[in-house]
Protein backbone atom coordinates (compact mmCIF):
# COMPACT_ATOMS: atom_id res chain seq x y z
CA MET A 1 0.17 -0.08 0.00
CA THR A 2 1.11 3.63 -0.86
CA ARG A 3 2.55 5.05 2.41
CA PHE A 4 0.24 8.00 3.68
CA LEU A 5 2.16 11.23 4.66
CA PRO A 6 -0.57 13.20 6.93
CA PHE A 7 1.50 16.23 7.40
CA ILE A 8 1.25 17.33 3.94
CA LEU A 9 -2.09 16.59 3.01
CA LEU A 10 -4.66 19.25 2.47
CA ALA A 11 -7.56 19.36 5.01
CA GLY A 12 -10.77 17.48 3.19
CA THR A 13 -8.25 15.20 1.46
CA THR A 14 -9.02 11.56 2.03
CA PHE A 15 -6.59 8.92 1.74
CA ALA A 16 -8.25 7.16 -1.18
CA GLN A 17 -8.07 10.39 -3.35
CA ALA A 18 -4.25 11.05 -2.18
CA GLN A 19 -2.85 7.79 -2.96
CA THR A 20 -1.32 8.57 -6.55
CA ASN A 21 -0.73 11.98 -8.39
CA ARG A 22 -1.08 13.77 -4.96
CA TYR A 23 0.10 17.06 -6.14
CA ASN A 24 1.32 19.44 -8.91
CA VAL A 25 5.02 20.56 -9.32
CA LEU A 26 6.23 23.77 -9.76
CA PHE A 27 10.09 23.68 -10.35
CA ILE A 28 11.88 27.12 -10.66
CA ALA A 29 15.48 26.88 -11.59
CA VAL A 30 17.63 29.76 -11.23
CA ASP A 31 20.87 29.65 -13.29
CA ASP A 32 24.32 30.86 -11.56
CA LEU A 33 22.21 31.68 -8.22
CA ARG A 34 24.63 31.45 -5.21
CA PRO A 35 22.87 31.46 -1.73
CA GLU A 36 23.20 35.12 -1.50
CA LEU A 37 19.79 36.19 -0.54
CA GLY A 38 18.20 37.85 2.40
CA CYS A 39 16.76 34.85 3.62
CA TYR A 40 20.21 33.31 3.50
CA GLY A 41 21.44 35.93 5.67
CA ALA A 42 22.62 38.61 3.05
CA ASN A 43 21.00 41.90 4.40
CA TYR A 44 22.56 43.80 1.57
CA ALA A 45 20.45 41.50 -1.16
CA GLN A 46 17.43 42.62 -2.35
CA THR A 47 15.15 39.55 -2.68
CA PRO A 48 11.83 40.21 -0.84
CA ASN A 49 9.81 37.71 -2.86
CA MET A 50 12.57 34.47 -2.32
CA ASP A 51 12.51 35.49 1.29
CA LYS A 52 8.69 35.58 1.64
CA PHE A 53 8.77 32.02 -0.25
CA ALA A 54 11.41 30.72 2.54
CA SER A 55 9.17 31.75 5.36
CA THR A 56 6.30 29.59 3.62
CA GLY A 57 8.42 26.45 2.93
CA MET A 58 11.63 24.91 4.12
CA LEU A 59 15.18 26.46 3.25
CA PHE A 60 18.20 24.08 2.94
CA ASP A 61 21.25 25.82 4.13
CA ARG A 62 23.72 23.29 3.22
CA HIS A 63 22.27 22.10 -0.09
CA TYR A 64 25.50 21.20 -2.99
CA VAL A 65 25.35 20.53 -6.56
CA GLN A 66 27.10 17.52 -8.02
CA VAL A 67 29.16 19.69 -10.58
CA ALA A 68 29.78 23.03 -10.73
CA THR A 69 28.61 23.73 -14.05
CA CYS A 70 25.04 24.34 -15.82
CA HIS A 71 24.54 21.27 -18.08
CA SER A 72 26.05 18.25 -15.83
CA SER A 73 24.59 19.87 -12.67
CA ARG A 74 20.86 19.73 -14.33
CA GLN A 75 21.60 16.50 -15.74
CA SER A 76 22.60 14.96 -12.65
CA MET A 77 19.31 16.37 -10.91
CA LEU A 78 17.20 15.49 -13.61
CA THR A 79 18.40 11.80 -13.85
CA GLY A 80 18.85 11.48 -10.07
CA ARG A 81 22.27 9.79 -10.93
CA SER A 82 25.78 10.66 -9.83
CA PRO A 83 28.42 11.51 -12.39
CA GLY A 84 30.25 8.73 -10.33
CA ALA A 85 27.43 6.33 -10.84
CA ALA A 86 28.10 3.09 -13.25
CA LYS A 87 26.35 3.39 -16.69
CA GLN A 88 23.45 1.70 -17.51
CA GLY A 89 21.87 0.41 -21.01
CA PRO A 90 18.45 1.53 -21.85
CA GLN A 91 15.45 0.73 -19.42
CA PRO A 92 11.94 0.64 -19.55
CA GLY A 93 11.21 3.07 -16.89
CA ALA A 94 11.83 6.55 -16.90
CA ARG A 95 14.91 8.66 -17.16
CA PHE A 96 14.19 12.12 -16.61
CA LEU A 97 12.51 13.44 -13.60
CA PRO A 98 9.72 15.43 -15.57
CA GLU A 99 9.62 12.15 -17.71
CA LEU A 100 8.25 10.10 -14.99
CA PHE A 101 5.59 12.53 -14.29
CA ARG A 102 4.64 12.80 -17.79
CA ARG A 103 4.27 8.96 -17.74
CA SER A 104 2.08 9.39 -14.69
CA ASP A 105 -0.61 11.75 -16.84
CA TYR A 106 0.71 14.69 -15.72
CA HIS A 107 0.89 17.50 -18.36
CA THR A 108 4.66 18.78 -18.74
CA THR A 109 5.64 22.11 -19.68
CA CYS A 110 9.19 23.61 -20.07
CA ILE A 111 9.59 27.21 -20.16
CA GLY A 112 13.20 28.64 -20.04
CA LYS A 113 16.37 26.88 -18.79
CA ILE A 114 15.46 23.46 -17.10
CA SER A 115 18.13 21.22 -18.88
CA HIS A 116 21.04 22.77 -20.56
CA SER A 117 19.31 24.44 -23.60
CA PRO A 118 17.26 27.79 -22.87
CA ASP A 119 14.44 26.41 -24.27
CA GLY A 120 14.40 22.14 -24.05
CA ARG A 121 15.76 22.13 -27.69
CA SER A 122 19.09 21.23 -28.64
CA PHE A 123 20.91 23.59 -30.74
CA GLN A 124 24.43 25.01 -30.85
CA TYR A 125 24.97 28.73 -29.56
CA SER A 126 25.25 29.78 -33.27
CA GLY A 127 21.96 28.28 -33.52
CA LYS A 128 23.31 25.12 -35.76
CA GLY A 129 21.71 21.63 -35.14
CA ASP A 130 18.36 20.05 -35.36
CA GLY A 131 16.72 21.28 -32.24
CA HIS A 132 15.93 18.00 -31.17
CA MET A 133 14.23 17.41 -27.65
CA GLU A 134 17.16 17.54 -25.21
CA LEU A 135 15.25 15.45 -22.60
CA PRO A 136 13.36 13.05 -24.85
CA ASN A 137 9.69 12.22 -23.78
CA ALA A 138 9.78 14.76 -21.11
CA TRP A 139 7.80 17.55 -22.28
CA ASP A 140 4.10 17.94 -23.54
CA ALA A 141 5.10 21.59 -24.32
CA LEU A 142 7.85 24.04 -24.91
CA PRO A 143 6.35 27.71 -24.94
CA THR A 144 9.65 29.45 -24.12
CA PRO A 145 9.24 33.26 -25.86
CA PHE A 146 11.72 34.36 -27.86
CA GLY A 147 10.88 37.72 -28.67
CA PRO A 148 13.03 39.95 -30.80
CA TRP A 149 15.84 37.65 -30.13
CA LYS A 150 14.30 34.73 -32.12
CA ARG A 151 15.99 31.66 -30.50
CA GLY A 152 16.91 30.15 -27.59
CA TRP A 153 20.39 31.10 -27.12
CA GLY A 154 19.69 34.49 -28.55
CA THR A 155 17.38 34.90 -25.31
CA PHE A 156 19.65 33.35 -23.04
CA PHE A 157 22.64 35.72 -24.18
CA ALA A 158 20.13 38.51 -24.60
CA TYR A 159 20.82 42.18 -24.73
CA ALA A 160 17.95 44.78 -24.99
CA GLY A 161 16.37 45.19 -28.26
CA GLY A 162 16.83 41.73 -29.75
CA GLN A 163 20.92 41.78 -29.51
CA HIS A 164 22.71 38.96 -28.13
CA ARG A 165 25.97 37.68 -27.81
CA GLU A 166 25.88 35.25 -30.57
CA ASP A 167 24.27 37.43 -33.09
CA GLY A 168 27.59 37.93 -35.03
CA GLN A 169 28.01 41.56 -33.90
CA LYS A 170 30.32 40.93 -31.46
CA HIS A 171 28.32 42.23 -28.40
CA LYS A 172 30.28 41.28 -25.48
CA ASP A 173 29.51 43.84 -22.95
CA LEU A 174 29.99 42.45 -19.18
CA MET A 175 26.43 44.34 -18.22
CA GLN A 176 23.80 46.46 -19.25
CA PHE A 177 20.93 47.97 -17.33
CA THR A 178 18.85 50.17 -19.91
CA VAL A 179 15.63 48.91 -20.37
CA GLU A 180 12.25 49.95 -18.18
CA LYS A 181 10.23 47.10 -18.36
CA ASP A 182 10.73 43.31 -17.16
CA ASN A 183 9.18 41.95 -20.13
CA ASP A 184 11.58 44.08 -22.09
CA LEU A 185 14.00 41.19 -21.43
CA PRO A 186 13.69 37.32 -21.81
CA ASP A 187 12.88 36.40 -17.85
CA GLY A 188 10.18 38.85 -17.64
CA MET A 189 8.75 37.12 -20.95
CA MET A 190 9.34 33.97 -19.51
CA ALA A 191 7.26 34.80 -16.10
CA GLN A 192 4.40 36.19 -17.93
CA THR A 193 4.43 32.61 -20.18
CA ALA A 194 4.09 30.69 -16.93
CA ILE A 195 1.59 32.97 -15.39
CA GLU A 196 -0.50 32.20 -18.52
CA THR A 197 0.36 28.53 -18.30
CA LEU A 198 -0.85 28.34 -15.04
CA ARG A 199 -4.21 29.83 -15.71
CA ASP A 200 -4.66 27.22 -18.30
CA TYR A 201 -3.98 24.47 -15.82
CA LYS A 202 -6.59 26.26 -13.46
CA LYS A 203 -9.18 25.82 -16.32
CA SER A 204 -8.11 22.62 -17.34
CA GLY A 205 -7.80 20.75 -13.77
CA GLN A 206 -5.13 18.52 -14.82
CA ARG A 207 -2.17 17.70 -12.92
CA PHE A 208 1.02 19.57 -14.13
CA PHE A 209 4.58 19.41 -13.83
CA LEU A 210 5.83 23.00 -14.90
CA GLY A 211 9.26 23.46 -15.10
CA LEU A 212 10.33 27.19 -15.17
CA GLY A 213 14.12 28.11 -15.74
CA PHE A 214 15.18 31.68 -15.39
CA PHE A 215 18.41 32.97 -17.10
CA LYS A 216 19.69 35.58 -14.66
CA PRO A 217 21.94 36.18 -13.02
CA HIS A 218 24.07 34.49 -15.45
CA LEU A 219 26.44 36.60 -17.66
CA PRO A 220 26.01 39.07 -19.23
CA PHE A 221 24.68 40.85 -16.24
CA VAL A 222 21.55 42.48 -18.13
CA ALA A 223 18.66 43.58 -16.17
CA PRO A 224 16.08 46.68 -15.91
CA LYS A 225 17.42 50.04 -15.05
CA GLN A 226 15.60 50.25 -11.53
CA ASP A 227 17.67 47.10 -10.53
CA TRP A 228 21.09 48.88 -10.91
CA GLU A 229 19.89 51.84 -9.44
CA ALA A 230 18.38 50.13 -6.83
CA PHE A 231 21.78 49.45 -5.31
CA ALA A 232 23.28 52.93 -5.48
CA ASN A 233 23.44 53.25 -1.84
CA THR A 234 24.03 49.61 -0.94
CA ASP A 235 26.92 49.14 1.14
CA ILE A 236 28.17 45.79 -0.72
CA PRO A 237 31.04 43.56 1.08
CA LEU A 238 34.18 43.05 -0.88
CA PRO A 239 35.61 39.33 -0.98
CA PRO A 240 38.57 38.28 0.81
CA GLU A 241 41.82 39.56 -0.81
CA ASP A 242 43.97 36.31 -0.94
CA LYS A 243 44.19 34.13 -3.56
CA ILE A 244 43.83 30.40 -3.05
CA ASP A 245 47.17 28.52 -3.68
CA SER A 246 45.58 25.30 -5.80
CA THR A 247 45.99 23.43 -9.09
CA PHE A 248 42.26 23.70 -9.28
CA TRP A 249 42.39 27.78 -9.33
CA HIS A 250 40.96 29.07 -12.77
CA GLY A 251 41.65 32.29 -14.55
CA SER A 252 37.76 33.04 -14.73
CA GLY A 253 37.85 33.02 -18.72
CA GLU A 254 34.00 33.06 -18.83
CA PHE A 255 33.88 36.32 -17.06
CA TYR A 256 36.79 38.03 -19.11
CA LYS A 257 35.79 37.35 -22.52
CA TYR A 258 33.13 40.15 -21.86
CA LYS A 259 33.95 43.50 -22.50
CA ALA A 260 33.77 45.11 -18.84
CA PRO A 261 33.24 49.18 -18.37
CA PHE A 262 36.39 49.19 -16.46
CA GLU A 263 40.33 48.28 -17.30
CA LYS A 264 40.64 44.48 -16.86
CA THR A 265 43.67 44.33 -14.62
CA ARG A 266 44.02 41.42 -12.59
CA PRO A 267 43.24 41.17 -10.05
CA LEU A 268 40.09 43.58 -10.29
CA SER A 269 40.34 46.98 -8.76
CA ARG A 270 38.31 47.80 -5.70
CA ASP A 271 35.78 49.80 -7.65
CA ALA A 272 35.66 46.97 -10.46
CA ILE A 273 35.11 44.20 -7.82
CA LEU A 274 32.02 46.51 -6.45
CA LYS A 275 30.42 47.36 -9.72
CA SER A 276 30.39 43.57 -10.76
CA ARG A 277 29.24 42.42 -7.39
CA ARG A 278 26.45 45.17 -8.00
CA ALA A 279 25.86 44.02 -11.35
CA TYR A 280 25.42 40.45 -10.06
CA LEU A 281 23.17 41.57 -7.29
CA ALA A 282 21.02 43.60 -9.62
CA CYS A 283 20.29 40.62 -11.86
CA VAL A 284 19.23 38.65 -8.88
CA ARG A 285 16.93 41.42 -7.92
CA TYR A 286 15.35 40.95 -11.05
CA THR A 287 14.74 37.63 -10.86
CA ASP A 288 13.29 37.84 -7.53
CA ARG A 289 10.67 40.02 -8.92
CA GLN A 290 9.92 37.46 -11.54
CA VAL A 291 9.62 34.63 -9.19
CA GLY A 292 7.43 36.59 -7.22
CA LYS A 293 4.82 37.16 -9.86
CA VAL A 294 4.59 33.61 -10.67
CA LEU A 295 4.05 32.75 -7.08
CA ASP A 296 1.55 35.45 -6.52
CA ALA A 297 -0.16 33.80 -9.45
CA LEU A 298 0.00 30.32 -8.14
CA LYS A 299 -1.81 31.77 -4.83
CA GLU A 300 -4.39 33.78 -6.57
CA LEU A 301 -5.67 31.06 -8.82
CA GLU A 302 -5.65 28.87 -5.52
CA LEU A 303 -3.18 26.35 -6.90
CA ASP A 304 -0.94 26.78 -4.32
CA GLN A 305 -3.18 24.49 -2.07
CA ASP A 306 -2.10 21.37 -4.06
CA THR A 307 1.35 22.03 -5.62
CA VAL A 308 4.92 21.25 -4.27
CA VAL A 309 6.95 24.15 -5.29
CA VAL A 310 10.96 23.77 -5.77
CA LEU A 311 13.03 26.75 -5.88
CA TRP A 312 16.83 25.56 -7.10
CA GLY A 313 19.99 26.90 -7.96
CA ASP A 314 22.19 24.74 -10.50
CA HIS A 315 25.02 25.68 -8.87
CA GLY A 316 26.89 28.75 -6.70
CA TRP A 317 29.53 31.23 -8.14
CA HIS A 318 32.36 33.11 -7.27
CA LEU A 319 32.20 36.83 -7.06
CA GLY A 320 35.78 37.42 -6.43
CA GLU A 321 36.64 34.93 -3.68
CA GLN A 322 39.74 33.18 -4.43
CA GLU A 323 40.27 35.74 -7.22
CA ILE A 324 37.53 33.71 -9.27
CA TRP A 325 34.81 34.93 -11.13
CA GLY A 326 32.38 32.37 -11.98
CA LYS A 327 31.51 28.57 -11.20
CA HIS A 328 33.71 25.61 -12.40
CA SER A 329 35.72 24.86 -9.57
CA PRO A 330 35.69 22.30 -6.69
CA PHE A 331 35.45 24.96 -3.88
CA GLU A 332 32.70 26.08 -1.74
CA ARG A 333 31.50 29.00 -3.37
CA ALA A 334 30.58 27.21 -6.84
CA ASN A 335 29.13 24.26 -5.54
CA ARG A 336 26.84 25.29 -2.72
CA SER A 337 23.61 26.54 -3.89
CA VAL A 338 19.75 27.61 -3.09
CA LEU A 339 17.58 25.15 -2.52
CA ILE A 340 13.73 26.21 -0.97
CA MET A 341 11.15 23.68 -0.75
CA ARG A 342 7.16 24.13 -0.22
CA VAL A 343 4.77 21.26 0.19
CA PRO A 344 0.93 22.20 0.92
CA GLY A 345 0.04 22.31 4.38
CA MET A 346 3.53 21.66 5.62
CA SER A 347 4.02 22.07 9.40
CA THR A 348 7.82 23.25 9.13
CA ALA A 349 7.16 26.43 7.33
CA GLY A 350 9.85 28.94 7.76
CA VAL A 351 12.36 26.40 9.04
CA LYS A 352 15.61 26.50 7.89
CA SER A 353 17.92 23.14 7.68
CA ASP A 354 21.37 22.72 8.12
CA ALA A 355 21.47 19.00 7.05
CA LEU A 356 23.79 18.07 3.94
CA VAL A 357 21.62 17.64 0.80
CA GLU A 358 22.36 17.51 -2.60
CA SER A 359 20.42 18.14 -5.86
CA LEU A 360 20.20 14.28 -6.37
CA ASP A 361 17.79 14.02 -3.60
CA LEU A 362 15.23 16.05 -5.55
CA TYR A 363 13.94 13.31 -7.67
CA PRO A 364 13.06 10.83 -5.07
CA THR A 365 11.85 13.43 -2.50
CA LEU A 366 9.15 14.56 -5.39
CA ILE A 367 8.34 10.87 -6.02
CA GLU A 368 7.73 10.74 -2.26
CA LEU A 369 5.52 13.55 -2.01
CA CYS A 370 3.66 13.52 -5.11
CA GLN A 371 3.34 9.53 -5.40
CA PRO A 372 3.21 9.66 -9.11
CA SER A 373 1.43 6.64 -10.60
CA PHE A 374 4.25 5.43 -12.71
CA ARG A 375 7.43 5.25 -10.44
CA LYS A 376 9.87 2.95 -12.54
CA THR A 377 12.88 4.63 -12.95
CA ALA A 378 15.45 3.52 -15.80
CA HIS A 379 18.04 3.25 -13.19
CA PRO A 380 18.71 2.87 -9.28
CA LEU A 381 18.34 6.78 -7.87
CA ASP A 382 21.41 7.92 -6.11
CA GLY A 383 19.51 10.35 -3.79
CA ASP A 384 18.02 10.40 -0.42
CA SER A 385 14.04 11.65 -0.09
CA LEU A 386 14.14 14.79 1.85
CA VAL A 387 10.54 14.15 3.32
CA PRO A 388 12.03 13.31 6.60
CA LEU A 389 13.28 16.71 6.84
CA LEU A 390 10.24 18.27 5.51
CA LYS A 391 8.36 16.43 8.17
CA GLY A 392 10.55 18.22 10.51
CA GLY A 393 13.12 15.59 11.43
CA SER A 394 16.63 16.93 12.27
CA GLY A 395 18.86 14.27 11.24
CA SER A 396 20.29 13.80 7.56
CA LYS A 397 20.85 10.77 5.98
CA ARG A 398 24.54 12.19 4.67
CA ASP A 399 27.38 12.67 6.46
CA VAL A 400 28.99 14.41 3.53
CA ALA A 401 28.14 15.93 -0.12
CA ILE A 402 30.25 14.99 -2.75
CA SER A 403 30.94 16.91 -6.14
CA TYR A 404 33.15 16.52 -9.19
CA TRP A 405 35.02 18.82 -11.56
CA HIS A 406 37.36 17.22 -13.84
CA ASP A 407 39.92 15.10 -11.93
CA ALA A 408 38.70 16.72 -8.83
CA ILE A 409 36.53 15.13 -6.25
CA SER A 410 35.31 17.42 -3.60
CA VAL A 411 33.96 15.89 -0.22
CA ARG A 412 32.41 18.29 2.11
CA ASP A 413 31.08 17.46 5.75
CA ARG A 414 29.69 20.12 8.35
CA THR A 415 33.25 21.50 8.90
CA HIS A 416 35.73 20.50 6.17
CA ARG A 417 36.13 20.32 2.32
CA LEU A 418 38.43 17.92 0.93
CA ILE A 419 39.75 18.26 -2.57
CA PHE A 420 41.16 15.03 -4.04
CA ASN A 421 42.80 14.53 -7.52
CA LYS A 422 41.95 11.46 -8.95
CA LYS A 423 44.91 11.15 -11.07
CA SER A 424 47.94 12.68 -9.10
CA LYS A 425 46.28 11.35 -5.73
CA ALA A 426 46.96 14.89 -4.38
CA SER A 427 44.79 16.26 -1.33
CA ALA A 428 43.79 19.45 0.10
CA LEU A 429 41.72 20.10 3.06
CA TYR A 430 39.87 23.26 3.79
CA ASP A 431 38.45 24.25 7.48
CA LEU A 432 35.43 25.72 6.64
CA SER A 433 33.60 25.81 9.79
CA VAL A 434 34.17 29.51 10.48
CA ASN A 435 34.95 30.82 6.98
CA PRO A 436 33.66 29.45 3.46
CA ASP A 437 36.65 31.03 1.80
CA ASN A 438 39.34 29.81 4.10
CA ASN A 439 42.36 29.10 1.73
CA THR A 440 44.82 27.54 4.02
CA ASP A 441 45.48 23.76 3.38
CA VAL A 442 45.21 21.83 6.57
CA ALA A 443 45.72 18.23 5.13
CA ALA A 444 49.22 17.49 6.37
CA GLN A 445 48.13 18.57 10.12
CA LEU A 446 44.81 16.85 9.83
CA PRO A 447 45.25 13.57 8.34
CA GLU A 448 42.79 11.56 9.91
CA ILE A 449 40.03 14.00 8.58
CA VAL A 450 41.44 13.17 5.23
CA LYS A 451 41.38 9.75 5.41
CA ARG A 452 37.74 9.62 6.58
CA LEU A 453 36.59 11.81 3.67
CA LYS A 454 38.37 10.11 1.42
CA ASP A 455 36.99 6.96 2.71
CA ALA A 456 33.65 8.44 1.80
CA ILE A 457 34.28 8.87 -1.90
CA PRO A 458 32.67 6.12 -3.82
CA GLU A 459 34.47 3.51 -5.65
């Protein structure tokens, strides 16, 4: 018999009604969103809508992704498989999370970036390719609006008025804050499309899985003028000045390929650092407003009463810490990201969990919460359901969270991060119990911790 979860059932819902397909799912993904929100303790950030959402759900303070880059992080989350897992051949079960819900008679819609591509279709940055479905059998509808940008990657790298990084006109500005209206840029258009989609679902009454993937704060830093001006008098903190001494340090190539409105000396000057951090925060403010619009519509339509909502960042981002600008590293800033979940009727609303969790855990969690009628997966899932934590449990099944980057395997426990090179077998250990940007390698002084964390790496 299907296990009954009384803490998340709405008043008046009977056991017979709730055995399968219990809830809709609104899955909101935000690209390059590090946990620098008001609800995560950043009082200089301007994120009232995500903060409000956190007060109605559970915030996971120690959420880690599998790989600190867009495609691999999302692929791992959507398949529920660790990058270190053994490969398997085709199976009769569902491979992708939304595919499993689609096979359970949910209507599935992808708006924006849920997998790697910005609209669910596989094209190169240049627009070349056949546009095949990036997640086969996962989506019923792909209504991402293109506006004047005409195609997916154009919307992803968009500047105002239809210009974009890949249009052949050499648009490479690091930041642009000129438009007046939210819908003058793709994220505003996608929020509006999501609201219209929710209205359609309200009319049809059909169970749905809506994936909504916002682009900002991904580079280039582009948002309405109001979001830049909002930080004119904000005291934005500077990152630590020291550079980490590690073979896994990188030169921030993605960041420096853009034309910056300041002299690109390395390291950046104080003014350039503050300007770049302000631009990132401005883009987060813009995305926060779009999240708020969609969540307000969900409530106005009374769909919030039977919809699980997930707000997920696909990885973190260095904003000058370790003199890195971007992701693509095995360090703390690139692998820790936002995760907030809300379940109808949950008794733990407003709780912040400090349990170690991974993006891998979302697939089994949504299965247990929603009990979709089709539950056969193409392979065993590597994550652990977060339902015990959502019910108020204080413990976690995880002693460590594991991330991968090229030859590095990074193991994070509650106090330390071990980075182990698979080829050279070299190790570095950082005590992050007080400072998440600690650059001092203490592996030689703490061999017992090194051994314990190495032993936690899957074979």
